[in-house]
Amino acid sequence: MSDITLHITDRDGTTHEVQAPTDMNMNLMEVVRSYELAPEGTIGICGGMAMCASCQCYIESDHELSEMGDDEDAMLGQAYFVQDNSRLGCQLHIHPDMDGLAVTLAPEEP
């Protein structure tokens, strides 16, 4: 299997069912950008280095994801609108086990 289905709810509340390749080492932030599910310049501002929280999302499904690293944990500690299910999209690399994953993009920082 090279593509999986993701359910991404944008900041306007619209849910998009998108296909994401598992064989290109993409992360969730890059998928959101490639489908233009957030206005340009509002997501992935740091380029996926876990140095901003512009790609913060809320995990809405019960998928078992990779553990949060120290950089991601530290960045979320400084971010706005953090919830228990918050993750940085740039730190979630697309993997076949993520098929059916549902996420909601966090609001933009004030």
N, C-alpha and C. Protein backbone atom coordinates (compact mmCIF):
# COMPACT_ATOMS: atom_id res chain seq x y z
N MET A 1 0.85 -1.17 0.00
CA MET A 1 0.00 0.00 0.00
C MET A 1 0.90 1.24 0.00
N SER A 2 0.66 2.16 -0.93
CA SER A 2 1.49 3.35 -0.97
C SER A 2 0.73 4.61 -0.56
N ASP A 3 -0.60 4.58 -0.59
CA ASP A 3 -1.40 5.73 -0.18
C ASP A 3 -2.33 5.34 0.95
N ILE A 4 -2.55 6.27 1.87
CA ILE A 4 -3.52 6.07 2.93
C ILE A 4 -4.52 7.21 2.89
N THR A 5 -5.65 7.04 3.56
CA THR A 5 -6.67 8.07 3.63
C THR A 5 -6.58 8.76 4.98
N LEU A 6 -6.57 10.10 4.95
CA LEU A 6 -6.59 10.91 6.16
C LEU A 6 -7.83 11.78 6.14
N HIS A 7 -8.37 12.07 7.32
CA HIS A 7 -9.52 12.95 7.47
C HIS A 7 -9.03 14.19 8.23
N ILE A 8 -8.93 15.30 7.51
CA ILE A 8 -8.35 16.52 8.08
C ILE A 8 -9.43 17.60 8.11
N THR A 9 -9.73 18.07 9.32
CA THR A 9 -10.69 19.17 9.48
C THR A 9 -9.90 20.47 9.52
N ASP A 10 -10.22 21.37 8.59
CA ASP A 10 -9.49 22.63 8.50
C ASP A 10 -9.97 23.61 9.57
N ARG A 11 -9.38 24.79 9.58
CA ARG A 11 -9.68 25.78 10.62
C ARG A 11 -11.06 26.40 10.46
N ASP A 12 -11.72 26.15 9.34
CA ASP A 12 -13.09 26.62 9.14
C ASP A 12 -14.12 25.56 9.52
N GLY A 13 -13.64 24.37 9.92
CA GLY A 13 -14.55 23.30 10.33
C GLY A 13 -14.95 22.34 9.24
N THR A 14 -14.38 22.47 8.06
CA THR A 14 -14.68 21.56 6.95
C THR A 14 -13.73 20.37 6.99
N THR A 15 -14.29 19.17 6.91
CA THR A 15 -13.48 17.95 6.92
C THR A 15 -13.18 17.53 5.49
N HIS A 16 -11.92 17.25 5.23
CA HIS A 16 -11.45 16.83 3.91
C HIS A 16 -10.92 15.42 4.01
N GLU A 17 -11.32 14.56 3.09
CA GLU A 17 -10.77 13.21 2.99
C GLU A 17 -9.69 13.27 1.91
N VAL A 18 -8.44 13.05 2.31
CA VAL A 18 -7.32 13.19 1.39
C VAL A 18 -6.50 11.91 1.34
N GLN A 19 -5.78 11.75 0.25
CA GLN A 19 -4.87 10.63 0.08
C GLN A 19 -3.46 11.10 0.36
N ALA A 20 -2.73 10.31 1.14
CA ALA A 20 -1.36 10.68 1.48
C ALA A 20 -0.43 9.51 1.16
N PRO A 21 0.67 9.77 0.48
CA PRO A 21 1.61 8.70 0.14
C PRO A 21 2.43 8.27 1.36
N THR A 22 2.64 6.97 1.47
CA THR A 22 3.46 6.46 2.58
C THR A 22 4.90 6.21 2.15
N ASP A 23 5.18 6.39 0.87
CA ASP A 23 6.50 6.06 0.35
C ASP A 23 7.33 7.29 -0.03
N MET A 24 6.96 8.47 0.48
CA MET A 24 7.68 9.70 0.13
C MET A 24 8.25 10.41 1.36
N ASN A 25 8.19 9.79 2.53
CA ASN A 25 8.70 10.36 3.78
C ASN A 25 8.09 11.73 4.07
N MET A 26 6.81 11.90 3.74
CA MET A 26 6.11 13.16 4.04
C MET A 26 5.63 13.14 5.48
N ASN A 27 5.38 14.33 6.01
CA ASN A 27 4.74 14.43 7.31
C ASN A 27 3.36 15.07 7.14
N LEU A 28 2.59 15.08 8.22
CA LEU A 28 1.22 15.57 8.15
C LEU A 28 1.17 17.04 7.74
N MET A 29 2.10 17.86 8.23
CA MET A 29 2.13 19.27 7.86
C MET A 29 2.30 19.43 6.35
N GLU A 30 3.17 18.62 5.75
CA GLU A 30 3.39 18.70 4.31
C GLU A 30 2.15 18.28 3.52
N VAL A 31 1.40 17.31 4.05
CA VAL A 31 0.16 16.89 3.39
C VAL A 31 -0.85 18.03 3.43
N VAL A 32 -0.98 18.67 4.58
CA VAL A 32 -1.91 19.81 4.70
C VAL A 32 -1.52 20.91 3.72
N ARG A 33 -0.24 21.19 3.62
CA ARG A 33 0.22 22.22 2.68
C ARG A 33 -0.02 21.81 1.24
N SER A 34 0.22 20.55 0.90
CA SER A 34 0.07 20.12 -0.49
C SER A 34 -1.39 20.17 -0.94
N TYR A 35 -2.32 19.97 -0.03
CA TYR A 35 -3.74 20.06 -0.36
C TYR A 35 -4.30 21.47 -0.12
N GLU A 36 -3.44 22.39 0.29
CA GLU A 36 -3.83 23.78 0.55
C GLU A 36 -5.03 23.86 1.49
N LEU A 37 -4.93 23.14 2.63
CA LEU A 37 -6.01 23.11 3.61
C LEU A 37 -5.88 24.22 4.65
N ALA A 38 -4.85 25.02 4.53
CA ALA A 38 -4.67 26.21 5.37
C ALA A 38 -4.08 27.29 4.48
N PRO A 39 -4.43 28.55 4.72
CA PRO A 39 -3.88 29.62 3.89
C PRO A 39 -2.36 29.61 3.89
N GLU A 40 -1.78 29.90 2.75
CA GLU A 40 -0.32 29.93 2.63
C GLU A 40 0.28 30.88 3.68
N GLY A 41 1.35 30.44 4.28
CA GLY A 41 2.02 31.25 5.28
C GLY A 41 1.46 31.11 6.68
N THR A 42 0.46 30.21 6.86
CA THR A 42 -0.12 30.04 8.20
C THR A 42 0.16 28.66 8.79
N ILE A 43 0.82 27.79 8.05
CA ILE A 43 1.12 26.46 8.57
C ILE A 43 2.52 26.06 8.10
N GLY A 44 3.28 25.49 9.01
CA GLY A 44 4.64 25.08 8.67
C GLY A 44 5.59 26.24 8.49
N ILE A 45 5.41 27.27 9.27
CA ILE A 45 6.21 28.48 9.12
C ILE A 45 7.70 28.20 9.31
N CYS A 46 8.04 27.31 10.23
CA CYS A 46 9.47 27.02 10.49
C CYS A 46 10.02 25.96 9.53
N GLY A 47 9.19 25.47 8.62
CA GLY A 47 9.65 24.48 7.66
C GLY A 47 9.69 23.06 8.19
N GLY A 48 9.03 22.82 9.31
CA GLY A 48 8.95 21.46 9.83
C GLY A 48 10.05 21.10 10.81
N MET A 49 10.60 22.09 11.49
CA MET A 49 11.71 21.87 12.42
C MET A 49 11.26 21.83 13.88
N ALA A 50 9.95 21.78 14.15
CA ALA A 50 9.40 21.80 15.52
C ALA A 50 9.82 23.06 16.27
N MET A 51 9.90 24.17 15.54
CA MET A 51 10.33 25.43 16.15
C MET A 51 9.22 26.48 16.17
N CYS A 52 8.05 26.11 15.72
CA CYS A 52 6.87 26.96 15.83
C CYS A 52 5.71 25.99 16.08
N ALA A 53 4.56 26.47 16.31
CA ALA A 53 3.44 25.56 16.52
C ALA A 53 2.35 25.79 15.48
N SER A 54 2.74 26.33 14.33
CA SER A 54 1.75 26.66 13.31
C SER A 54 1.07 25.43 12.71
N CYS A 55 1.69 24.26 12.87
CA CYS A 55 1.09 23.03 12.33
C CYS A 55 0.44 22.18 13.43
N GLN A 56 0.21 22.79 14.60
CA GLN A 56 -0.44 22.05 15.68
C GLN A 56 -1.79 21.52 15.23
N CYS A 57 -2.06 20.29 15.60
CA CYS A 57 -3.34 19.69 15.28
C CYS A 57 -3.79 18.85 16.46
N TYR A 58 -5.07 18.51 16.45
CA TYR A 58 -5.66 17.68 17.48
C TYR A 58 -5.95 16.31 16.88
N ILE A 59 -5.44 15.27 17.50
CA ILE A 59 -5.67 13.91 17.03
C ILE A 59 -7.07 13.49 17.49
N GLU A 60 -7.95 13.22 16.54
CA GLU A 60 -9.35 12.92 16.85
C GLU A 60 -9.67 11.43 16.82
N SER A 61 -8.76 10.61 16.31
CA SER A 61 -9.00 9.16 16.24
C SER A 61 -8.09 8.45 17.23
N ASP A 62 -8.31 7.16 17.39
CA ASP A 62 -7.57 6.37 18.39
C ASP A 62 -6.32 5.71 17.83
N HIS A 63 -5.70 6.31 16.84
CA HIS A 63 -4.49 5.73 16.25
C HIS A 63 -3.33 5.81 17.22
N GLU A 64 -2.51 4.78 17.22
CA GLU A 64 -1.29 4.80 18.02
C GLU A 64 -0.20 5.45 17.17
N LEU A 65 0.27 6.60 17.61
CA LEU A 65 1.25 7.36 16.85
C LEU A 65 2.62 7.27 17.51
N SER A 66 3.63 7.71 16.79
CA SER A 66 4.98 7.72 17.34
C SER A 66 5.00 8.59 18.60
N GLU A 67 5.92 8.27 19.50
CA GLU A 67 6.02 9.05 20.73
C GLU A 67 6.46 10.48 20.43
N MET A 68 6.02 11.39 21.26
CA MET A 68 6.40 12.78 21.12
C MET A 68 7.85 12.96 21.57
N GLY A 69 8.65 13.62 20.73
CA GLY A 69 10.03 13.89 21.06
C GLY A 69 10.16 15.11 21.96
N ASP A 70 11.35 15.32 22.49
CA ASP A 70 11.60 16.44 23.40
C ASP A 70 11.33 17.79 22.74
N ASP A 71 11.75 17.96 21.48
CA ASP A 71 11.55 19.24 20.79
C ASP A 71 10.07 19.54 20.61
N GLU A 72 9.30 18.52 20.22
CA GLU A 72 7.86 18.70 20.03
C GLU A 72 7.19 19.03 21.36
N ASP A 73 7.54 18.29 22.40
CA ASP A 73 6.97 18.52 23.72
C ASP A 73 7.27 19.94 24.21
N ALA A 74 8.51 20.40 24.02
CA ALA A 74 8.89 21.74 24.44
C ALA A 74 8.13 22.81 23.66
N MET A 75 7.97 22.60 22.35
CA MET A 75 7.26 23.59 21.53
C MET A 75 5.79 23.66 21.93
N LEU A 76 5.17 22.52 22.17
CA LEU A 76 3.77 22.52 22.59
C LEU A 76 3.61 23.16 23.97
N GLY A 77 4.65 23.10 24.78
CA GLY A 77 4.62 23.75 26.08
C GLY A 77 4.54 25.27 25.99
N GLN A 78 4.89 25.81 24.84
CA GLN A 78 4.87 27.26 24.62
C GLN A 78 3.74 27.71 23.70
N ALA A 79 3.00 26.77 23.15
CA ALA A 79 2.00 27.08 22.12
C ALA A 79 0.66 27.51 22.74
N TYR A 80 -0.15 28.13 21.92
CA TYR A 80 -1.52 28.50 22.28
C TYR A 80 -2.46 27.35 21.93
N PHE A 81 -3.60 27.31 22.58
CA PHE A 81 -4.69 26.38 22.27
C PHE A 81 -4.31 24.90 22.39
N VAL A 82 -3.32 24.58 23.23
CA VAL A 82 -2.87 23.20 23.39
C VAL A 82 -3.92 22.39 24.16
N GLN A 83 -4.17 21.18 23.67
CA GLN A 83 -5.07 20.24 24.34
C GLN A 83 -4.31 18.95 24.59
N ASP A 84 -4.92 18.04 25.33
CA ASP A 84 -4.26 16.76 25.64
C ASP A 84 -3.93 15.97 24.39
N ASN A 85 -4.69 16.17 23.31
CA ASN A 85 -4.48 15.42 22.08
C ASN A 85 -3.71 16.23 21.02
N SER A 86 -3.02 17.28 21.45
CA SER A 86 -2.25 18.11 20.51
C SER A 86 -0.97 17.41 20.08
N ARG A 87 -0.66 17.57 18.80
CA ARG A 87 0.62 17.14 18.23
C ARG A 87 1.01 18.17 17.18
N LEU A 88 2.30 18.16 16.83
CA LEU A 88 2.77 18.99 15.72
C LEU A 88 2.74 18.14 14.46
N GLY A 89 2.05 18.60 13.44
CA GLY A 89 1.94 17.85 12.19
C GLY A 89 3.28 17.55 11.55
N CYS A 90 4.25 18.44 11.74
CA CYS A 90 5.57 18.24 11.13
C CYS A 90 6.31 17.07 11.76
N GLN A 91 5.89 16.61 12.92
CA GLN A 91 6.56 15.52 13.60
C GLN A 91 5.84 14.18 13.41
N LEU A 92 4.77 14.18 12.62
CA LEU A 92 4.01 12.96 12.36
C LEU A 92 4.24 12.52 10.92
N HIS A 93 5.20 11.64 10.74
CA HIS A 93 5.52 11.15 9.40
C HIS A 93 4.48 10.13 8.95
N ILE A 94 4.06 10.28 7.71
CA ILE A 94 2.99 9.44 7.15
C ILE A 94 3.47 7.99 7.09
N HIS A 95 2.67 7.11 7.67
CA HIS A 95 3.00 5.69 7.79
C HIS A 95 1.74 4.89 7.51
N PRO A 96 1.86 3.68 6.95
CA PRO A 96 0.66 2.88 6.65
C PRO A 96 -0.28 2.69 7.83
N ASP A 97 0.24 2.63 9.05
CA ASP A 97 -0.60 2.43 10.24
C ASP A 97 -1.50 3.64 10.52
N MET A 98 -1.26 4.75 9.83
CA MET A 98 -2.06 5.96 10.05
C MET A 98 -3.30 6.00 9.17
N ASP A 99 -3.56 4.96 8.40
CA ASP A 99 -4.73 4.95 7.51
C ASP A 99 -5.99 5.22 8.33
N GLY A 100 -6.78 6.20 7.89
CA GLY A 100 -8.02 6.56 8.56
C GLY A 100 -7.84 7.59 9.67
N LEU A 101 -6.62 8.06 9.89
CA LEU A 101 -6.36 9.04 10.94
C LEU A 101 -7.24 10.27 10.75
N ALA A 102 -7.80 10.76 11.85
CA ALA A 102 -8.63 11.97 11.82
C ALA A 102 -7.95 13.03 12.69
N VAL A 103 -7.75 14.20 12.12
CA VAL A 103 -7.14 15.32 12.84
C VAL A 103 -7.92 16.61 12.56
N THR A 104 -7.80 17.53 13.50
CA THR A 104 -8.37 18.87 13.33
C THR A 104 -7.23 19.86 13.49
N LEU A 105 -7.10 20.79 12.57
CA LEU A 105 -6.07 21.82 12.68
C LEU A 105 -6.42 22.77 13.82
N ALA A 106 -5.42 23.05 14.65
CA ALA A 106 -5.63 24.00 15.76
C ALA A 106 -5.79 25.40 15.19
N PRO A 107 -6.46 26.27 15.94
CA PRO A 107 -6.61 27.67 15.47
C PRO A 107 -5.23 28.33 15.31
N GLU A 108 -5.20 29.35 14.47
CA GLU A 108 -3.96 30.13 14.33
C GLU A 108 -3.66 30.81 15.64
N GLU A 109 -2.38 31.04 15.89
CA GLU A 109 -1.99 31.77 17.10
C GLU A 109 -2.50 33.20 17.03
N PRO A 110 -2.87 33.78 18.17
CA PRO A 110 -3.43 35.16 18.16
C PRO A 110 -2.38 36.19 17.76
